[in-house]
């Protein structure tokens, strides 16, 4: 690489220009070289991230932890992804939510179980602030009283570092297209999972249905119909309805936003 830079300064200039454009959000489909970079990063993460997910510390990971063991090219690649503005490149209609206040306390949610393929599955631990968790418990109790079943929290709070991991983990599943991935997983800073003041919860039902493979699987659940009718009474609203432009309909993705107009009308 150094030799190419020395003998072909014009080419090096083009590379710099491309990188500058990428940082501004014009980057989408990964090149073959970038696919290899991402593959190498994911292989390194596979060594330790699953253990962090299992012990419940993954949602709180820092960038320093996420970047450990990566080489310079891999670090630059991650930094470029973090620099993307999805409002420009992905037609994302949300807003920049920023990072939570340092030291904000979370409740660790452990021991959630579901039945899937005839087996009992224990969900990875999740985190919510106390007010959001208490609102969820009240809502779930009411749902269980009406339906005889409740919903589990498959994903709650995610640090910006864990959000970056999540985005890149799903990128190969969307043909290495950053824009398409961004329709399903937000760039760090734009995800409600990382914004406790408007905290997102991804629900999964007690039989393991979350809509990941087929959105309609969750949309057709009686639990979802109950949420549509009743969630606002408990401070929750659907984040991404079918009418939302710039992001895929996610019937499992609800946010705690007690001050919103929708919630206030239901109060």
C-alpha atoms as a PDB file:
ATOM      1  CA  UNK A   1       0.000   0.000   0.000  1.00  0.00           C
ATOM      2  CA  UNK A   2       2.813   2.460   0.835  1.00  0.00           C
ATOM      3  CA  UNK A   3       4.529   1.665  -2.456  1.00  0.00           C
ATOM      4  CA  UNK A   4       1.364   2.463  -4.408  1.00  0.00           C
ATOM      5  CA  UNK A   5       1.009   5.761  -2.594  1.00  0.00           C
ATOM      6  CA  UNK A   6       4.608   6.725  -3.389  1.00  0.00           C
ATOM      7  CA  UNK A   7       4.518   5.920  -7.115  1.00  0.00           C
ATOM      8  CA  UNK A   8       0.927   6.895  -7.897  1.00  0.00           C
ATOM      9  CA  UNK A   9       0.077  10.133  -6.096  1.00  0.00           C
ATOM     10  CA  UNK A  10      -2.858  10.774  -8.450  1.00  0.00           C
ATOM     11  CA  UNK A  11      -4.432   7.481  -7.417  1.00  0.00           C
ATOM     12  CA  UNK A  12      -3.856   8.310  -3.761  1.00  0.00           C
ATOM     13  CA  UNK A  13      -5.650  11.614  -4.276  1.00  0.00           C
ATOM     14  CA  UNK A  14      -8.649   9.777  -5.714  1.00  0.00           C
ATOM     15  CA  UNK A  15      -8.715   7.435  -2.733  1.00  0.00           C
ATOM     16  CA  UNK A  16      -8.727  10.408  -0.370  1.00  0.00           C
ATOM     17  CA  UNK A  17     -11.511  12.027  -2.351  1.00  0.00           C
ATOM     18  CA  UNK A  18     -13.568   8.849  -2.192  1.00  0.00           C
ATOM     19  CA  UNK A  19     -13.038   8.598   1.554  1.00  0.00           C
ATOM     20  CA  UNK A  20     -14.159  12.177   2.029  1.00  0.00           C
ATOM     21  CA  UNK A  21     -17.329  11.494   0.057  1.00  0.00           C
ATOM     22  CA  UNK A  22     -17.977   8.364   2.073  1.00  0.00           C
ATOM     23  CA  UNK A  23     -17.695  10.300   5.317  1.00  0.00           C
ATOM     24  CA  UNK A  24     -20.343  12.678   4.010  1.00  0.00           C
ATOM     25  CA  UNK A  25     -22.786   9.820   3.452  1.00  0.00           C
ATOM     26  CA  UNK A  26     -22.476   8.951  -0.285  1.00  0.00           C
ATOM     27  CA  UNK A  27     -21.244   5.470   0.552  1.00  0.00           C
ATOM     28  CA  UNK A  28     -23.581   2.505   0.057  1.00  0.00           C
ATOM     29  CA  UNK A  29     -22.624  -0.834  -1.508  1.00  0.00           C
ATOM     30  CA  UNK A  30     -19.405  -2.226  -0.058  1.00  0.00           C
ATOM     31  CA  UNK A  31     -16.557  -3.013  -2.438  1.00  0.00           C
ATOM     32  CA  UNK A  32     -14.940  -6.455  -2.418  1.00  0.00           C
ATOM     33  CA  UNK A  33     -12.101  -5.081  -0.318  1.00  0.00           C
ATOM     34  CA  UNK A  34     -14.535  -3.560   2.170  1.00  0.00           C
ATOM     35  CA  UNK A  35     -16.441  -6.842   2.363  1.00  0.00           C
ATOM     36  CA  UNK A  36     -13.186  -8.566   3.309  1.00  0.00           C
ATOM     37  CA  UNK A  37     -12.505  -5.902   5.931  1.00  0.00           C
ATOM     38  CA  UNK A  38     -15.954  -6.349   7.437  1.00  0.00           C
ATOM     39  CA  UNK A  39     -15.607 -10.125   7.365  1.00  0.00           C
ATOM     40  CA  UNK A  40     -12.357  -9.855   9.297  1.00  0.00           C
ATOM     41  CA  UNK A  41     -13.926  -7.533  11.854  1.00  0.00           C
ATOM     42  CA  UNK A  42     -16.925  -9.815  12.372  1.00  0.00           C
ATOM     43  CA  UNK A  43     -14.642 -12.819  12.818  1.00  0.00           C
ATOM     44  CA  UNK A  44     -12.738 -10.991  15.557  1.00  0.00           C
ATOM     45  CA  UNK A  45     -15.968  -9.945  17.252  1.00  0.00           C
ATOM     46  CA  UNK A  46     -17.291 -13.503  17.068  1.00  0.00           C
ATOM     47  CA  UNK A  47     -14.522 -14.505  19.480  1.00  0.00           C
ATOM     48  CA  UNK A  48     -15.836 -12.416  22.378  1.00  0.00           C
ATOM     49  CA  UNK A  49     -19.134 -10.598  21.681  1.00  0.00           C
ATOM     50  CA  UNK A  50     -21.418 -13.672  22.073  1.00  0.00           C
ATOM     51  CA  UNK A  51     -20.039 -14.201  25.579  1.00  0.00           C
ATOM     52  CA  UNK A  52     -20.788 -10.566  26.406  1.00  0.00           C
ATOM     53  CA  UNK A  53     -24.323 -11.017  25.082  1.00  0.00           C
ATOM     54  CA  UNK A  54     -24.847 -14.093  27.210  1.00  0.00           C
ATOM     55  CA  UNK A  55     -23.591 -12.499  30.430  1.00  0.00           C
ATOM     56  CA  UNK A  56     -25.608  -9.360  29.725  1.00  0.00           C
ATOM     57  CA  UNK A  57     -22.818  -6.814  29.356  1.00  0.00           C
ATOM     58  CA  UNK A  58     -22.914  -6.404  25.556  1.00  0.00           C
ATOM     59  CA  UNK A  59     -25.575  -3.633  25.537  1.00  0.00           C
ATOM     60  CA  UNK A  60     -23.297  -1.494  27.713  1.00  0.00           C
ATOM     61  CA  UNK A  61     -20.049  -1.967  25.752  1.00  0.00           C
ATOM     62  CA  UNK A  62     -17.873   1.030  24.876  1.00  0.00           C
ATOM     63  CA  UNK A  63     -16.168   1.935  21.611  1.00  0.00           C
ATOM     64  CA  UNK A  64     -12.825   1.239  23.273  1.00  0.00           C
ATOM     65  CA  UNK A  65     -13.939  -2.329  23.926  1.00  0.00           C
ATOM     66  CA  UNK A  66     -15.461  -2.749  20.463  1.00  0.00           C
ATOM     67  CA  UNK A  67     -12.280  -1.553  18.747  1.00  0.00           C
ATOM     68  CA  UNK A  68      -9.912  -3.755  20.739  1.00  0.00           C
ATOM     69  CA  UNK A  69      -7.763  -6.018  18.573  1.00  0.00           C
ATOM     70  CA  UNK A  70      -8.631  -4.255  15.303  1.00  0.00           C
ATOM     71  CA  UNK A  71      -5.946  -3.058  12.888  1.00  0.00           C
ATOM     72  CA  UNK A  72      -5.717   0.458  11.431  1.00  0.00           C
ATOM     73  CA  UNK A  73      -7.667  -0.357   8.262  1.00  0.00           C
ATOM     74  CA  UNK A  74     -10.463  -1.935  10.276  1.00  0.00           C
ATOM     75  CA  UNK A  75     -10.611   1.038  12.632  1.00  0.00           C
ATOM     76  CA  UNK A  76     -10.832   3.458   9.698  1.00  0.00           C
ATOM     77  CA  UNK A  77     -13.617   1.366   8.195  1.00  0.00           C
ATOM     78  CA  UNK A  78     -15.641   1.505  11.421  1.00  0.00           C
ATOM     79  CA  UNK A  79     -15.060   5.236  11.755  1.00  0.00           C
ATOM     80  CA  UNK A  80     -16.376   5.781   8.221  1.00  0.00           C
ATOM     81  CA  UNK A  81     -19.559   3.880   9.038  1.00  0.00           C
ATOM     82  CA  UNK A  82     -20.026   5.943  12.195  1.00  0.00           C
ATOM     83  CA  UNK A  83     -19.663   9.148  10.143  1.00  0.00           C
ATOM     84  CA  UNK A  84     -22.601   8.328   7.856  1.00  0.00           C
ATOM     85  CA  UNK A  85     -25.564  10.695   8.072  1.00  0.00           C
ATOM     86  CA  UNK A  86     -28.539   8.418   7.274  1.00  0.00           C
ATOM     87  CA  UNK A  87     -30.805  11.401   6.659  1.00  0.00           C
ATOM     88  CA  UNK A  88     -28.740  12.195   3.559  1.00  0.00           C
ATOM     89  CA  UNK A  89     -27.730   8.760   2.347  1.00  0.00           C
ATOM     90  CA  UNK A  90     -30.552   6.444   3.452  1.00  0.00           C
ATOM     91  CA  UNK A  91     -33.543   8.802   3.193  1.00  0.00           C
ATOM     92  CA  UNK A  92     -33.966   8.205   6.924  1.00  0.00           C
ATOM     93  CA  UNK A  93     -36.733  10.416   8.291  1.00  0.00           C
ATOM     94  CA  UNK A  94     -35.757  10.242  11.951  1.00  0.00           C
ATOM     95  CA  UNK A  95     -33.649  12.658  13.927  1.00  0.00           C
ATOM     96  CA  UNK A  96     -30.256  12.587  15.580  1.00  0.00           C
ATOM     97  CA  UNK A  97     -30.917  11.540  19.169  1.00  0.00           C
ATOM     98  CA  UNK A  98     -27.412  11.851  20.557  1.00  0.00           C
ATOM     99  CA  UNK A  99     -25.989   9.869  23.442  1.00  0.00           C
ATOM    100  CA  UNK A 100     -27.442   9.327  26.927  1.00  0.00           C
ATOM    101  CA  UNK A 101     -26.185  11.297  29.881  1.00  0.00           C
ATOM    102  CA  UNK A 102     -23.107   9.722  31.487  1.00  0.00           C
ATOM    103  CA  UNK A 103     -23.799   7.596  34.533  1.00  0.00           C
ATOM    104  CA  UNK A 104     -27.493   7.062  33.857  1.00  0.00           C
ATOM    105  CA  UNK A 105     -28.681   4.062  35.938  1.00  0.00           C
ATOM    106  CA  UNK A 106     -30.235   1.020  34.296  1.00  0.00           C
ATOM    107  CA  UNK A 107     -32.240  -1.941  35.535  1.00  0.00           C
ATOM    108  CA  UNK A 108     -30.821  -5.273  34.389  1.00  0.00           C
ATOM    109  CA  UNK A 109     -33.589  -7.566  33.133  1.00  0.00           C
ATOM    110  CA  UNK A 110     -32.725 -11.241  33.506  1.00  0.00           C
ATOM    111  CA  UNK A 111     -34.465 -14.599  33.410  1.00  0.00           C
ATOM    112  CA  UNK A 112     -36.892 -14.001  30.538  1.00  0.00           C
ATOM    113  CA  UNK A 113     -37.866 -17.342  28.999  1.00  0.00           C
ATOM    114  CA  UNK A 114     -39.820 -18.405  25.932  1.00  0.00           C
ATOM    115  CA  UNK A 115     -40.813 -21.689  24.311  1.00  0.00           C
ATOM    116  CA  UNK A 116     -39.381 -22.236  20.837  1.00  0.00           C
ATOM    117  CA  UNK A 117     -39.365 -25.493  18.872  1.00  0.00           C
ATOM    118  CA  UNK A 118     -40.427 -27.353  22.001  1.00  0.00           C
ATOM    119  CA  UNK A 119     -37.541 -26.052  24.091  1.00  0.00           C
ATOM    120  CA  UNK A 120     -37.236 -23.420  26.794  1.00  0.00           C
ATOM    121  CA  UNK A 121     -34.975 -20.587  25.656  1.00  0.00           C
ATOM    122  CA  UNK A 122     -33.538 -17.995  28.033  1.00  0.00           C
ATOM    123  CA  UNK A 123     -33.223 -14.541  26.488  1.00  0.00           C
ATOM    124  CA  UNK A 124     -30.037 -12.528  26.857  1.00  0.00           C
ATOM    125  CA  UNK A 125     -30.184  -9.950  29.684  1.00  0.00           C
ATOM    126  CA  UNK A 126     -31.438  -6.498  28.681  1.00  0.00           C
ATOM    127  CA  UNK A 127     -31.342  -3.007  30.197  1.00  0.00           C
ATOM    128  CA  UNK A 128     -33.930  -0.266  30.689  1.00  0.00           C
ATOM    129  CA  UNK A 129     -34.195   2.767  32.928  1.00  0.00           C
ATOM    130  CA  UNK A 130     -36.466   2.190  35.926  1.00  0.00           C
ATOM    131  CA  UNK A 131     -39.357   4.314  34.642  1.00  0.00           C
ATOM    132  CA  UNK A 132     -39.476   2.496  31.298  1.00  0.00           C
ATOM    133  CA  UNK A 133     -39.235  -0.923  32.925  1.00  0.00           C
ATOM    134  CA  UNK A 134     -42.004  -0.151  35.400  1.00  0.00           C
ATOM    135  CA  UNK A 135     -44.254   1.073  32.567  1.00  0.00           C
ATOM    136  CA  UNK A 136     -43.523  -2.123  30.623  1.00  0.00           C
ATOM    137  CA  UNK A 137     -44.408  -4.272  33.646  1.00  0.00           C
ATOM    138  CA  UNK A 138     -47.740  -2.490  34.094  1.00  0.00           C
ATOM    139  CA  UNK A 139     -48.539  -2.858  30.413  1.00  0.00           C
ATOM    140  CA  UNK A 140     -47.541  -6.510  30.291  1.00  0.00           C
ATOM    141  CA  UNK A 141     -49.624  -7.277  33.360  1.00  0.00           C
ATOM    142  CA  UNK A 142     -52.669  -5.713  31.680  1.00  0.00           C
ATOM    143  CA  UNK A 143     -52.015  -7.658  28.471  1.00  0.00           C
ATOM    144  CA  UNK A 144     -51.676 -10.911  30.364  1.00  0.00           C
ATOM    145  CA  UNK A 145     -54.950 -10.215  32.167  1.00  0.00           C
ATOM    146  CA  UNK A 146     -56.737  -9.677  28.831  1.00  0.00           C
ATOM    147  CA  UNK A 147     -55.026 -12.282  26.642  1.00  0.00           C
ATOM    148  CA  UNK A 148     -53.460 -14.779  29.026  1.00  0.00           C
ATOM    149  CA  UNK A 149     -50.044 -14.092  27.476  1.00  0.00           C
ATOM    150  CA  UNK A 150     -47.492 -11.293  27.538  1.00  0.00           C
ATOM    151  CA  UNK A 151     -44.535 -10.012  25.554  1.00  0.00           C
ATOM    152  CA  UNK A 152     -40.829 -10.302  26.340  1.00  0.00           C
ATOM    153  CA  UNK A 153     -38.121  -7.695  25.791  1.00  0.00           C
ATOM    154  CA  UNK A 154     -35.760  -9.033  23.142  1.00  0.00           C
ATOM    155  CA  UNK A 155     -33.798  -5.781  22.938  1.00  0.00           C
ATOM    156  CA  UNK A 156     -33.812  -2.716  25.147  1.00  0.00           C
ATOM    157  CA  UNK A 157     -31.042  -0.180  25.662  1.00  0.00           C
ATOM    158  CA  UNK A 158     -27.975  -0.417  23.407  1.00  0.00           C
ATOM    159  CA  UNK A 159     -24.873   1.714  23.756  1.00  0.00           C
ATOM    160  CA  UNK A 160     -23.647   3.456  20.608  1.00  0.00           C
ATOM    161  CA  UNK A 161     -20.856   0.886  20.352  1.00  0.00           C
ATOM    162  CA  UNK A 162     -23.282  -2.014  20.563  1.00  0.00           C
ATOM    163  CA  UNK A 163     -25.508  -0.307  17.997  1.00  0.00           C
ATOM    164  CA  UNK A 164     -22.548  -0.130  15.605  1.00  0.00           C
ATOM    165  CA  UNK A 165     -21.891  -3.819  16.182  1.00  0.00           C
ATOM    166  CA  UNK A 166     -25.559  -4.587  15.487  1.00  0.00           C
ATOM    167  CA  UNK A 167     -25.582  -2.524  12.282  1.00  0.00           C
ATOM    168  CA  UNK A 168     -22.469  -4.216  10.892  1.00  0.00           C
ATOM    169  CA  UNK A 169     -23.570  -7.677  12.024  1.00  0.00           C
ATOM    170  CA  UNK A 170     -26.670  -7.351   9.834  1.00  0.00           C
ATOM    171  CA  UNK A 171     -24.946  -5.693   6.860  1.00  0.00           C
ATOM    172  CA  UNK A 172     -23.952  -8.994   5.146  1.00  0.00           C
ATOM    173  CA  UNK A 173     -27.548 -10.186   5.531  1.00  0.00           C
ATOM    174  CA  UNK A 174     -28.639  -7.208   3.407  1.00  0.00           C
ATOM    175  CA  UNK A 175     -26.255  -7.808   0.514  1.00  0.00           C
ATOM    176  CA  UNK A 176     -23.532  -5.553   1.987  1.00  0.00           C
ATOM    177  CA  UNK A 177     -25.698  -2.540   1.128  1.00  0.00           C
ATOM    178  CA  UNK A 178     -25.439   0.058   3.876  1.00  0.00           C
ATOM    179  CA  UNK A 179     -28.593   1.877   2.784  1.00  0.00           C
ATOM    180  CA  UNK A 180     -30.699  -1.283   2.868  1.00  0.00           C
ATOM    181  CA  UNK A 181     -29.248  -2.246   6.243  1.00  0.00           C
ATOM    182  CA  UNK A 182     -30.137   1.238   7.446  1.00  0.00           C
ATOM    183  CA  UNK A 183     -33.794   0.546   6.699  1.00  0.00           C
ATOM    184  CA  UNK A 184     -33.716  -2.069   9.459  1.00  0.00           C
ATOM    185  CA  UNK A 185     -30.937  -1.040  11.847  1.00  0.00           C
ATOM    186  CA  UNK A 186     -30.126   2.576  12.653  1.00  0.00           C
ATOM    187  CA  UNK A 187     -26.676   4.155  12.628  1.00  0.00           C
ATOM    188  CA  UNK A 188     -25.414   4.951  16.168  1.00  0.00           C
ATOM    189  CA  UNK A 189     -26.930   8.188  17.416  1.00  0.00           C
ATOM    190  CA  UNK A 190     -30.095   7.727  15.365  1.00  0.00           C
ATOM    191  CA  UNK A 191     -31.419   4.647  17.154  1.00  0.00           C
ATOM    192  CA  UNK A 192     -34.085   4.901  19.824  1.00  0.00           C
ATOM    193  CA  UNK A 193     -32.423   1.933  21.507  1.00  0.00           C
ATOM    194  CA  UNK A 194     -29.618   4.285  22.522  1.00  0.00           C
ATOM    195  CA  UNK A 195     -31.880   7.133  23.683  1.00  0.00           C
ATOM    196  CA  UNK A 196     -33.259   6.516  27.200  1.00  0.00           C
ATOM    197  CA  UNK A 197     -35.406   9.647  26.992  1.00  0.00           C
ATOM    198  CA  UNK A 198     -37.277   7.947  24.123  1.00  0.00           C
ATOM    199  CA  UNK A 199     -36.340   4.373  24.826  1.00  0.00           C
ATOM    200  CA  UNK A 200     -37.150   1.678  22.275  1.00  0.00           C
ATOM    201  CA  UNK A 201     -38.118  -1.878  23.114  1.00  0.00           C
ATOM    202  CA  UNK A 202     -38.116  -4.730  20.618  1.00  0.00           C
ATOM    203  CA  UNK A 203     -40.720  -7.278  21.664  1.00  0.00           C
ATOM    204  CA  UNK A 204     -40.835 -11.016  21.082  1.00  0.00           C
ATOM    205  CA  UNK A 205     -43.752 -13.185  22.094  1.00  0.00           C
ATOM    206  CA  UNK A 206     -43.603 -16.175  24.419  1.00  0.00           C
ATOM    207  CA  UNK A 207     -43.407 -18.568  21.460  1.00  0.00           C
ATOM    208  CA  UNK A 208     -40.363 -16.840  19.962  1.00  0.00           C
ATOM    209  CA  UNK A 209     -42.143 -14.850  17.253  1.00  0.00           C
ATOM    210  CA  UNK A 210     -40.428 -11.510  16.626  1.00  0.00           C
ATOM    211  CA  UNK A 211     -41.133 -10.760  12.958  1.00  0.00           C
ATOM    212  CA  UNK A 212     -37.480 -10.848  11.939  1.00  0.00           C
ATOM    213  CA  UNK A 213     -37.978 -13.374   9.141  1.00  0.00           C
ATOM    214  CA  UNK A 214     -41.444 -12.190   8.149  1.00  0.00           C
ATOM    215  CA  UNK A 215     -42.886  -8.922   9.458  1.00  0.00           C
ATOM    216  CA  UNK A 216     -46.454 -10.189   9.171  1.00  0.00           C
ATOM    217  CA  UNK A 217     -45.720 -12.979  11.661  1.00  0.00           C
ATOM    218  CA  UNK A 218     -45.603 -10.393  14.436  1.00  0.00           C
ATOM    219  CA  UNK A 219     -48.209  -8.077  12.926  1.00  0.00           C
ATOM    220  CA  UNK A 220     -50.787 -10.890  12.937  1.00  0.00           C
ATOM    221  CA  UNK A 221     -50.320 -11.685  16.630  1.00  0.00           C
ATOM    222  CA  UNK A 222     -53.139 -10.877  19.081  1.00  0.00           C
ATOM    223  CA  UNK A 223     -50.411  -9.334  21.240  1.00  0.00           C
ATOM    224  CA  UNK A 224     -49.705  -6.783  18.501  1.00  0.00           C
ATOM    225  CA  UNK A 225     -53.393  -5.975  18.081  1.00  0.00           C
ATOM    226  CA  UNK A 226     -53.557  -5.433  21.840  1.00  0.00           C
ATOM    227  CA  UNK A 227     -50.578  -3.061  21.710  1.00  0.00           C
ATOM    228  CA  UNK A 228     -52.153  -1.006  18.935  1.00  0.00           C
ATOM    229  CA  UNK A 229     -55.282  -0.581  21.030  1.00  0.00           C
ATOM    230  CA  UNK A 230     -53.784  -0.193  24.506  1.00  0.00           C
ATOM    231  CA  UNK A 231     -50.050   0.640  24.533  1.00  0.00           C
ATOM    232  CA  UNK A 232     -50.550   4.411  24.566  1.00  0.00           C
ATOM    233  CA  UNK A 233     -52.294   4.182  27.948  1.00  0.00           C
ATOM    234  CA  UNK A 234     -48.984   3.035  29.377  1.00  0.00           C
ATOM    235  CA  UNK A 235     -46.786   5.596  27.590  1.00  0.00           C
ATOM    236  CA  UNK A 236     -45.750   3.510  24.576  1.00  0.00           C
ATOM    237  CA  UNK A 237     -46.194   4.203  20.867  1.00  0.00           C
ATOM    238  CA  UNK A 238     -45.259   2.382  17.663  1.00  0.00           C
ATOM    239  CA  UNK A 239     -42.007   3.864  16.374  1.00  0.00           C
ATOM    240  CA  UNK A 240     -42.152   2.875  12.717  1.00  0.00           C
ATOM    241  CA  UNK A 241     -45.685   2.360  11.338  1.00  0.00           C
ATOM    242  CA  UNK A 242     -46.350   1.438   7.728  1.00  0.00           C
ATOM    243  CA  UNK A 243     -46.833   5.097   6.861  1.00  0.00           C
ATOM    244  CA  UNK A 244     -43.336   6.026   8.073  1.00  0.00           C
ATOM    245  CA  UNK A 245     -41.046   6.971   5.178  1.00  0.00           C
ATOM    246  CA  UNK A 246     -37.388   5.989   5.163  1.00  0.00           C
ATOM    247  CA  UNK A 247     -37.470   2.953   7.445  1.00  0.00           C
ATOM    248  CA  UNK A 248     -39.105  -0.456   7.317  1.00  0.00           C
ATOM    249  CA  UNK A 249     -42.354  -1.114   9.187  1.00  0.00           C
ATOM    250  CA  UNK A 250     -41.443  -2.733  12.514  1.00  0.00           C
ATOM    251  CA  UNK A 251     -44.509  -3.884  14.463  1.00  0.00           C
ATOM    252  CA  UNK A 252     -42.299  -5.193  17.286  1.00  0.00           C
ATOM    253  CA  UNK A 253     -40.489  -1.862  17.831  1.00  0.00           C
ATOM    254  CA  UNK A 254     -42.197   0.414  20.376  1.00  0.00           C
ATOM    255  CA  UNK A 255     -40.843   3.434  22.226  1.00  0.00           C
ATOM    256  CA  UNK A 256     -41.607   4.857  25.624  1.00  0.00           C
ATOM    257  CA  UNK A 257     -42.624   8.438  24.981  1.00  0.00           C
ATOM    258  CA  UNK A 258     -45.216   9.507  27.579  1.00  0.00           C
ATOM    259  CA  UNK A 259     -45.113  13.155  26.490  1.00  0.00           C
ATOM    260  CA  UNK A 260     -46.060  12.460  22.854  1.00  0.00           C
ATOM    261  CA  UNK A 261     -49.372  13.706  21.478  1.00  0.00           C
ATOM    262  CA  UNK A 262     -50.541  10.158  20.761  1.00  0.00           C
ATOM    263  CA  UNK A 263     -49.916   9.053  24.324  1.00  0.00           C
ATOM    264  CA  UNK A 264     -51.408  12.193  25.838  1.00  0.00           C
ATOM    265  CA  UNK A 265     -54.657  11.665  23.933  1.00  0.00           C
ATOM    266  CA  UNK A 266     -54.915   8.152  25.336  1.00  0.00           C
ATOM    267  CA  UNK A 267     -54.183   9.225  28.898  1.00  0.00           C
END
